[in-house]
Amino acid sequence: MKSTLQVAFAISALVLASSFANAGADIVSAPMSCAVKAPNGANYCLEIPTEKLNEEAIAGFTADCQKQAGAVFTRSACSTTDRVGTCTVTVPEITYKVLFYPPFTVESGKQVCTENNGTFTNN
């Protein structure tokens, strides 16, 4: 599970960091998410607020999400159903969330979150 999530955290950080360098007038305000049910059993969802992102950054996040096996992109918040915890990560100018679902446990979600410099909250 760890390697899939490290890729997800890295993708999010890169997309978000590049979005500010290219910020333009085409800014939207709905959150977006990438829900992943990975072949290795990792079930999680990345949720990113979009009020500071332009359409180019959103398109990049969408493409990166769709490249992951078992991933679904939506322009809405992650589901809270069956969530075991949430990791909040702040990168320059934006905060995003990673929601963990079974088979993650509170302990394994907290470990992954801590390894990625996030703050973990139980369910």
N, C-alpha and C. Protein backbone atom coordinates (compact mmCIF):
# COMPACT_ATOMS: atom_id res chain seq x y z
N MET A 1 0.82 -1.19 0.00
CA MET A 1 0.00 0.00 0.00
C MET A 1 0.87 1.25 0.00
N LYS A 2 1.98 1.18 0.67
CA LYS A 2 2.83 2.36 0.85
C LYS A 2 3.29 2.96 -0.47
N SER A 3 3.77 2.13 -1.41
CA SER A 3 4.31 2.67 -2.65
C SER A 3 3.23 3.36 -3.49
N THR A 4 2.03 2.81 -3.52
CA THR A 4 0.94 3.45 -4.27
C THR A 4 0.62 4.81 -3.69
N LEU A 5 0.57 4.89 -2.36
CA LEU A 5 0.25 6.17 -1.73
C LEU A 5 1.37 7.17 -1.89
N GLN A 6 2.61 6.72 -1.84
CA GLN A 6 3.71 7.65 -2.04
C GLN A 6 3.63 8.27 -3.43
N VAL A 7 3.26 7.47 -4.41
CA VAL A 7 3.07 8.01 -5.76
C VAL A 7 1.94 9.03 -5.76
N ALA A 8 0.84 8.72 -5.08
CA ALA A 8 -0.29 9.64 -5.02
C ALA A 8 0.08 10.95 -4.35
N PHE A 9 0.79 10.88 -3.24
CA PHE A 9 1.22 12.10 -2.55
C PHE A 9 2.16 12.90 -3.45
N ALA A 10 3.07 12.22 -4.13
CA ALA A 10 4.02 12.91 -5.00
C ALA A 10 3.32 13.57 -6.18
N ILE A 11 2.38 12.87 -6.78
CA ILE A 11 1.62 13.43 -7.91
C ILE A 11 0.88 14.68 -7.46
N SER A 12 0.22 14.60 -6.32
CA SER A 12 -0.53 15.74 -5.82
C SER A 12 0.37 16.94 -5.58
N ALA A 13 1.49 16.70 -4.94
CA ALA A 13 2.40 17.80 -4.64
C ALA A 13 2.93 18.44 -5.91
N LEU A 14 3.29 17.64 -6.91
CA LEU A 14 3.82 18.19 -8.16
C LEU A 14 2.76 18.97 -8.92
N VAL A 15 1.58 18.42 -9.02
CA VAL A 15 0.50 19.10 -9.74
C VAL A 15 0.15 20.41 -9.05
N LEU A 16 0.05 20.37 -7.74
CA LEU A 16 -0.31 21.58 -7.00
C LEU A 16 0.77 22.64 -7.07
N ALA A 17 2.00 22.23 -6.94
CA ALA A 17 3.10 23.19 -6.99
C ALA A 17 3.17 23.87 -8.36
N SER A 18 2.97 23.10 -9.43
CA SER A 18 3.04 23.69 -10.77
C SER A 18 1.84 24.57 -11.08
N SER A 19 0.73 24.35 -10.40
CA SER A 19 -0.48 25.11 -10.70
C SER A 19 -0.34 26.58 -10.38
N PHE A 20 0.44 26.92 -9.37
CA PHE A 20 0.57 28.32 -8.99
C PHE A 20 1.48 29.07 -9.94
N ALA A 21 2.46 28.39 -10.49
CA ALA A 21 3.35 29.03 -11.46
C ALA A 21 2.59 29.39 -12.72
N ASN A 22 1.54 28.62 -13.01
CA ASN A 22 0.78 28.82 -14.25
C ASN A 22 -0.61 29.38 -14.00
N ALA A 23 -0.86 29.90 -12.81
CA ALA A 23 -2.21 30.37 -12.48
C ALA A 23 -2.69 31.41 -13.47
N GLY A 24 -3.94 31.25 -13.87
CA GLY A 24 -4.53 32.17 -14.83
C GLY A 24 -5.93 32.56 -14.41
N ALA A 25 -6.71 33.05 -15.33
CA ALA A 25 -8.04 33.55 -15.02
C ALA A 25 -9.10 32.45 -14.94
N ASP A 26 -8.80 31.26 -15.48
CA ASP A 26 -9.79 30.19 -15.53
C ASP A 26 -9.82 29.40 -14.23
N ILE A 27 -10.25 30.04 -13.16
CA ILE A 27 -10.24 29.41 -11.85
C ILE A 27 -11.64 28.91 -11.51
N VAL A 28 -11.73 27.70 -10.96
CA VAL A 28 -13.00 27.11 -10.56
C VAL A 28 -13.00 26.91 -9.05
N SER A 29 -14.20 26.66 -8.46
CA SER A 29 -14.25 26.60 -7.00
C SER A 29 -14.70 25.27 -6.41
N ALA A 30 -15.20 24.34 -7.19
CA ALA A 30 -15.65 23.06 -6.64
C ALA A 30 -14.45 22.18 -6.29
N PRO A 31 -14.55 21.37 -5.21
CA PRO A 31 -13.43 20.47 -4.92
C PRO A 31 -13.35 19.39 -5.99
N MET A 32 -12.20 18.74 -6.08
CA MET A 32 -12.06 17.60 -6.97
C MET A 32 -11.42 16.47 -6.19
N SER A 33 -11.65 15.26 -6.65
CA SER A 33 -11.10 14.12 -5.93
C SER A 33 -10.72 13.00 -6.88
N CYS A 34 -9.85 12.15 -6.36
CA CYS A 34 -9.40 10.96 -7.08
C CYS A 34 -9.52 9.80 -6.11
N ALA A 35 -10.53 8.97 -6.32
CA ALA A 35 -10.76 7.80 -5.46
C ALA A 35 -10.06 6.61 -6.08
N VAL A 36 -9.24 5.93 -5.28
CA VAL A 36 -8.43 4.82 -5.78
C VAL A 36 -8.73 3.55 -5.02
N LYS A 37 -9.01 2.50 -5.77
CA LYS A 37 -9.08 1.14 -5.23
C LYS A 37 -8.00 0.38 -5.98
N ALA A 38 -6.80 0.45 -5.44
CA ALA A 38 -5.63 -0.09 -6.12
C ALA A 38 -5.59 -1.61 -6.08
N PRO A 39 -4.95 -2.21 -7.09
CA PRO A 39 -4.83 -3.67 -7.14
C PRO A 39 -4.14 -4.25 -5.91
N ASN A 40 -3.28 -3.48 -5.26
CA ASN A 40 -2.58 -3.98 -4.08
C ASN A 40 -3.41 -3.85 -2.81
N GLY A 41 -4.67 -3.42 -2.93
CA GLY A 41 -5.56 -3.34 -1.79
C GLY A 41 -5.69 -1.98 -1.14
N ALA A 42 -4.90 -1.01 -1.56
CA ALA A 42 -4.97 0.32 -0.97
C ALA A 42 -6.24 1.03 -1.45
N ASN A 43 -7.05 1.46 -0.51
CA ASN A 43 -8.26 2.21 -0.83
C ASN A 43 -8.15 3.58 -0.18
N TYR A 44 -8.09 4.61 -1.02
CA TYR A 44 -7.95 5.97 -0.51
C TYR A 44 -8.50 6.95 -1.53
N CYS A 45 -8.65 8.20 -1.10
CA CYS A 45 -9.17 9.23 -1.99
C CYS A 45 -8.43 10.54 -1.71
N LEU A 46 -7.89 11.14 -2.76
CA LEU A 46 -7.26 12.45 -2.65
C LEU A 46 -8.31 13.51 -2.94
N GLU A 47 -8.42 14.50 -2.06
CA GLU A 47 -9.39 15.58 -2.22
C GLU A 47 -8.64 16.90 -2.22
N ILE A 48 -8.85 17.66 -3.28
CA ILE A 48 -8.12 18.92 -3.44
C ILE A 48 -9.09 20.07 -3.66
N PRO A 49 -8.97 21.13 -2.86
CA PRO A 49 -9.79 22.32 -3.11
C PRO A 49 -9.27 23.00 -4.37
N THR A 50 -10.14 23.48 -5.19
CA THR A 50 -9.71 24.02 -6.48
C THR A 50 -9.79 25.53 -6.60
N GLU A 51 -10.16 26.23 -5.53
CA GLU A 51 -10.33 27.67 -5.66
C GLU A 51 -9.06 28.41 -6.09
N LYS A 52 -7.88 27.81 -5.88
CA LYS A 52 -6.63 28.46 -6.28
C LYS A 52 -6.01 27.81 -7.52
N LEU A 53 -6.71 26.87 -8.14
CA LEU A 53 -6.16 26.15 -9.28
C LEU A 53 -6.79 26.60 -10.59
N ASN A 54 -5.99 26.59 -11.64
CA ASN A 54 -6.55 26.91 -12.95
C ASN A 54 -6.93 25.62 -13.68
N GLU A 55 -7.58 25.75 -14.81
CA GLU A 55 -8.05 24.58 -15.57
C GLU A 55 -6.89 23.69 -16.01
N GLU A 56 -5.75 24.26 -16.29
CA GLU A 56 -4.59 23.47 -16.70
C GLU A 56 -4.14 22.54 -15.55
N ALA A 57 -4.10 23.05 -14.34
CA ALA A 57 -3.72 22.24 -13.19
C ALA A 57 -4.75 21.15 -12.93
N ILE A 58 -6.03 21.49 -13.07
CA ILE A 58 -7.09 20.51 -12.88
C ILE A 58 -7.00 19.41 -13.93
N ALA A 59 -6.72 19.79 -15.16
CA ALA A 59 -6.56 18.79 -16.23
C ALA A 59 -5.39 17.87 -15.93
N GLY A 60 -4.31 18.41 -15.39
CA GLY A 60 -3.15 17.59 -15.03
C GLY A 60 -3.47 16.61 -13.92
N PHE A 61 -4.21 17.07 -12.90
CA PHE A 61 -4.60 16.19 -11.81
C PHE A 61 -5.53 15.10 -12.32
N THR A 62 -6.47 15.47 -13.19
CA THR A 62 -7.40 14.51 -13.77
C THR A 62 -6.65 13.42 -14.53
N ALA A 63 -5.72 13.83 -15.37
CA ALA A 63 -4.94 12.88 -16.16
C ALA A 63 -4.12 11.95 -15.27
N ASP A 64 -3.47 12.52 -14.25
CA ASP A 64 -2.68 11.70 -13.34
C ASP A 64 -3.55 10.72 -12.58
N CYS A 65 -4.74 11.14 -12.19
CA CYS A 65 -5.67 10.27 -11.48
C CYS A 65 -6.07 9.09 -12.38
N GLN A 66 -6.43 9.40 -13.62
CA GLN A 66 -6.91 8.38 -14.53
C GLN A 66 -5.84 7.39 -14.95
N LYS A 67 -4.56 7.72 -14.74
CA LYS A 67 -3.47 6.80 -15.05
C LYS A 67 -3.33 5.71 -14.00
N GLN A 68 -3.87 5.95 -12.80
CA GLN A 68 -3.74 4.98 -11.72
C GLN A 68 -4.79 3.88 -11.88
N ALA A 69 -4.37 2.64 -11.72
CA ALA A 69 -5.30 1.51 -11.80
C ALA A 69 -6.36 1.64 -10.73
N GLY A 70 -7.62 1.48 -11.11
CA GLY A 70 -8.71 1.51 -10.15
C GLY A 70 -9.09 2.89 -9.66
N ALA A 71 -8.68 3.94 -10.37
CA ALA A 71 -8.96 5.31 -9.92
C ALA A 71 -10.13 5.93 -10.66
N VAL A 72 -10.88 6.76 -9.93
CA VAL A 72 -12.02 7.49 -10.51
C VAL A 72 -11.90 8.95 -10.11
N PHE A 73 -11.89 9.84 -11.10
CA PHE A 73 -11.84 11.28 -10.87
C PHE A 73 -13.25 11.85 -10.81
N THR A 74 -13.50 12.76 -9.85
CA THR A 74 -14.77 13.49 -9.81
C THR A 74 -14.51 14.93 -9.40
N ARG A 75 -15.42 15.80 -9.76
CA ARG A 75 -15.37 17.19 -9.31
C ARG A 75 -16.28 17.35 -8.11
N SER A 76 -15.98 16.57 -7.11
CA SER A 76 -16.72 16.63 -5.84
C SER A 76 -15.80 16.12 -4.74
N ALA A 77 -16.26 16.29 -3.51
CA ALA A 77 -15.47 15.84 -2.36
C ALA A 77 -15.43 14.32 -2.29
N CYS A 78 -14.44 13.79 -1.59
CA CYS A 78 -14.35 12.35 -1.35
C CYS A 78 -15.50 11.89 -0.45
N SER A 79 -15.90 10.66 -0.64
CA SER A 79 -16.93 10.08 0.21
C SER A 79 -16.39 9.89 1.63
N THR A 80 -17.23 10.12 2.62
CA THR A 80 -16.83 9.87 4.00
C THR A 80 -17.35 8.51 4.49
N THR A 81 -18.10 7.81 3.68
CA THR A 81 -18.62 6.49 4.03
C THR A 81 -17.47 5.51 4.24
N ASP A 82 -17.45 4.83 5.35
CA ASP A 82 -16.44 3.82 5.71
C ASP A 82 -15.04 4.39 5.90
N ARG A 83 -14.90 5.68 5.97
CA ARG A 83 -13.58 6.30 6.16
C ARG A 83 -13.01 5.91 7.53
N VAL A 84 -11.71 5.54 7.55
CA VAL A 84 -11.07 5.24 8.83
C VAL A 84 -10.27 6.42 9.34
N GLY A 85 -9.91 7.35 8.45
CA GLY A 85 -9.17 8.52 8.86
C GLY A 85 -8.86 9.43 7.69
N THR A 86 -8.39 10.63 8.02
CA THR A 86 -8.06 11.63 7.01
C THR A 86 -6.68 12.21 7.30
N CYS A 87 -5.89 12.32 6.25
CA CYS A 87 -4.57 12.93 6.35
C CYS A 87 -4.66 14.30 5.68
N THR A 88 -4.28 15.34 6.39
CA THR A 88 -4.27 16.69 5.84
C THR A 88 -2.82 17.09 5.58
N VAL A 89 -2.54 17.47 4.35
CA VAL A 89 -1.19 17.82 3.93
C VAL A 89 -1.19 19.23 3.37
N THR A 90 -0.24 20.03 3.80
CA THR A 90 -0.12 21.39 3.28
C THR A 90 1.16 21.51 2.48
N VAL A 91 1.00 21.97 1.25
CA VAL A 91 2.13 22.31 0.39
C VAL A 91 2.00 23.81 0.15
N PRO A 92 3.01 24.45 -0.40
CA PRO A 92 2.89 25.90 -0.56
C PRO A 92 1.53 26.34 -1.13
N GLU A 93 0.85 27.15 -0.36
CA GLU A 93 -0.39 27.83 -0.74
C GLU A 93 -1.65 26.98 -0.80
N ILE A 94 -1.58 25.68 -0.51
CA ILE A 94 -2.80 24.88 -0.58
C ILE A 94 -2.71 23.70 0.40
N THR A 95 -3.87 23.30 0.89
CA THR A 95 -3.98 22.14 1.77
C THR A 95 -4.90 21.14 1.09
N TYR A 96 -4.46 19.89 1.04
CA TYR A 96 -5.31 18.84 0.47
C TYR A 96 -5.45 17.70 1.46
N LYS A 97 -6.38 16.80 1.19
CA LYS A 97 -6.67 15.69 2.09
C LYS A 97 -6.52 14.36 1.38
N VAL A 98 -6.14 13.36 2.15
CA VAL A 98 -6.17 11.98 1.68
C VAL A 98 -7.03 11.23 2.69
N LEU A 99 -8.14 10.68 2.21
CA LEU A 99 -9.04 9.91 3.06
C LEU A 99 -8.70 8.43 2.90
N PHE A 100 -8.62 7.71 4.00
CA PHE A 100 -8.28 6.29 3.99
C PHE A 100 -9.52 5.44 4.28
N TYR A 101 -9.63 4.32 3.57
CA TYR A 101 -10.74 3.39 3.74
C TYR A 101 -10.17 1.98 3.95
N PRO A 102 -10.98 1.04 4.54
CA PRO A 102 -10.49 -0.32 4.70
C PRO A 102 -9.98 -0.87 3.34
N PRO A 103 -8.91 -1.63 3.34
CA PRO A 103 -8.32 -2.33 4.47
C PRO A 103 -7.37 -1.49 5.33
N PHE A 104 -7.22 -0.20 5.05
CA PHE A 104 -6.42 0.65 5.94
C PHE A 104 -7.06 0.60 7.32
N THR A 105 -6.23 0.74 8.31
CA THR A 105 -6.68 0.88 9.69
C THR A 105 -6.26 2.27 10.15
N VAL A 106 -6.71 2.66 11.31
CA VAL A 106 -6.28 3.95 11.86
C VAL A 106 -4.75 3.97 11.95
N GLU A 107 -4.17 2.88 12.41
CA GLU A 107 -2.72 2.81 12.59
C GLU A 107 -1.97 2.91 11.26
N SER A 108 -2.40 2.14 10.25
CA SER A 108 -1.68 2.17 8.97
C SER A 108 -1.88 3.50 8.24
N GLY A 109 -3.08 4.08 8.34
CA GLY A 109 -3.32 5.39 7.73
C GLY A 109 -2.48 6.47 8.39
N LYS A 110 -2.40 6.41 9.70
CA LYS A 110 -1.60 7.39 10.44
C LYS A 110 -0.13 7.27 10.08
N GLN A 111 0.36 6.05 9.92
CA GLN A 111 1.76 5.83 9.56
C GLN A 111 2.08 6.43 8.19
N VAL A 112 1.23 6.14 7.20
CA VAL A 112 1.46 6.68 5.85
C VAL A 112 1.38 8.20 5.87
N CYS A 113 0.43 8.73 6.60
CA CYS A 113 0.25 10.18 6.69
C CYS A 113 1.49 10.84 7.31
N THR A 114 1.96 10.28 8.40
CA THR A 114 3.14 10.83 9.07
C THR A 114 4.36 10.78 8.17
N GLU A 115 4.52 9.68 7.43
CA GLU A 115 5.65 9.54 6.51
C GLU A 115 5.63 10.61 5.40
N ASN A 116 4.43 11.16 5.15
CA ASN A 116 4.28 12.17 4.11
C ASN A 116 4.05 13.57 4.68
N ASN A 117 4.49 13.76 5.92
CA ASN A 117 4.42 15.07 6.59
C ASN A 117 3.01 15.63 6.72
N GLY A 118 2.04 14.74 6.91
CA GLY A 118 0.67 15.18 7.09
C GLY A 118 0.23 15.08 8.53
N THR A 119 -0.99 15.56 8.78
CA THR A 119 -1.61 15.49 10.09
C THR A 119 -2.80 14.56 9.98
N PHE A 120 -2.82 13.49 10.79
CA PHE A 120 -3.86 12.47 10.70
C PHE A 120 -4.96 12.72 11.70
N THR A 121 -6.21 12.52 11.26
CA THR A 121 -7.38 12.61 12.11
C THR A 121 -8.17 11.32 11.96
N ASN A 122 -8.52 10.69 13.09
CA ASN A 122 -9.36 9.47 13.03
C ASN A 122 -10.72 9.82 12.47
N ASN A 123 -11.26 8.91 11.67
CA ASN A 123 -12.59 9.04 11.08
C ASN A 123 -13.10 10.43 11.24
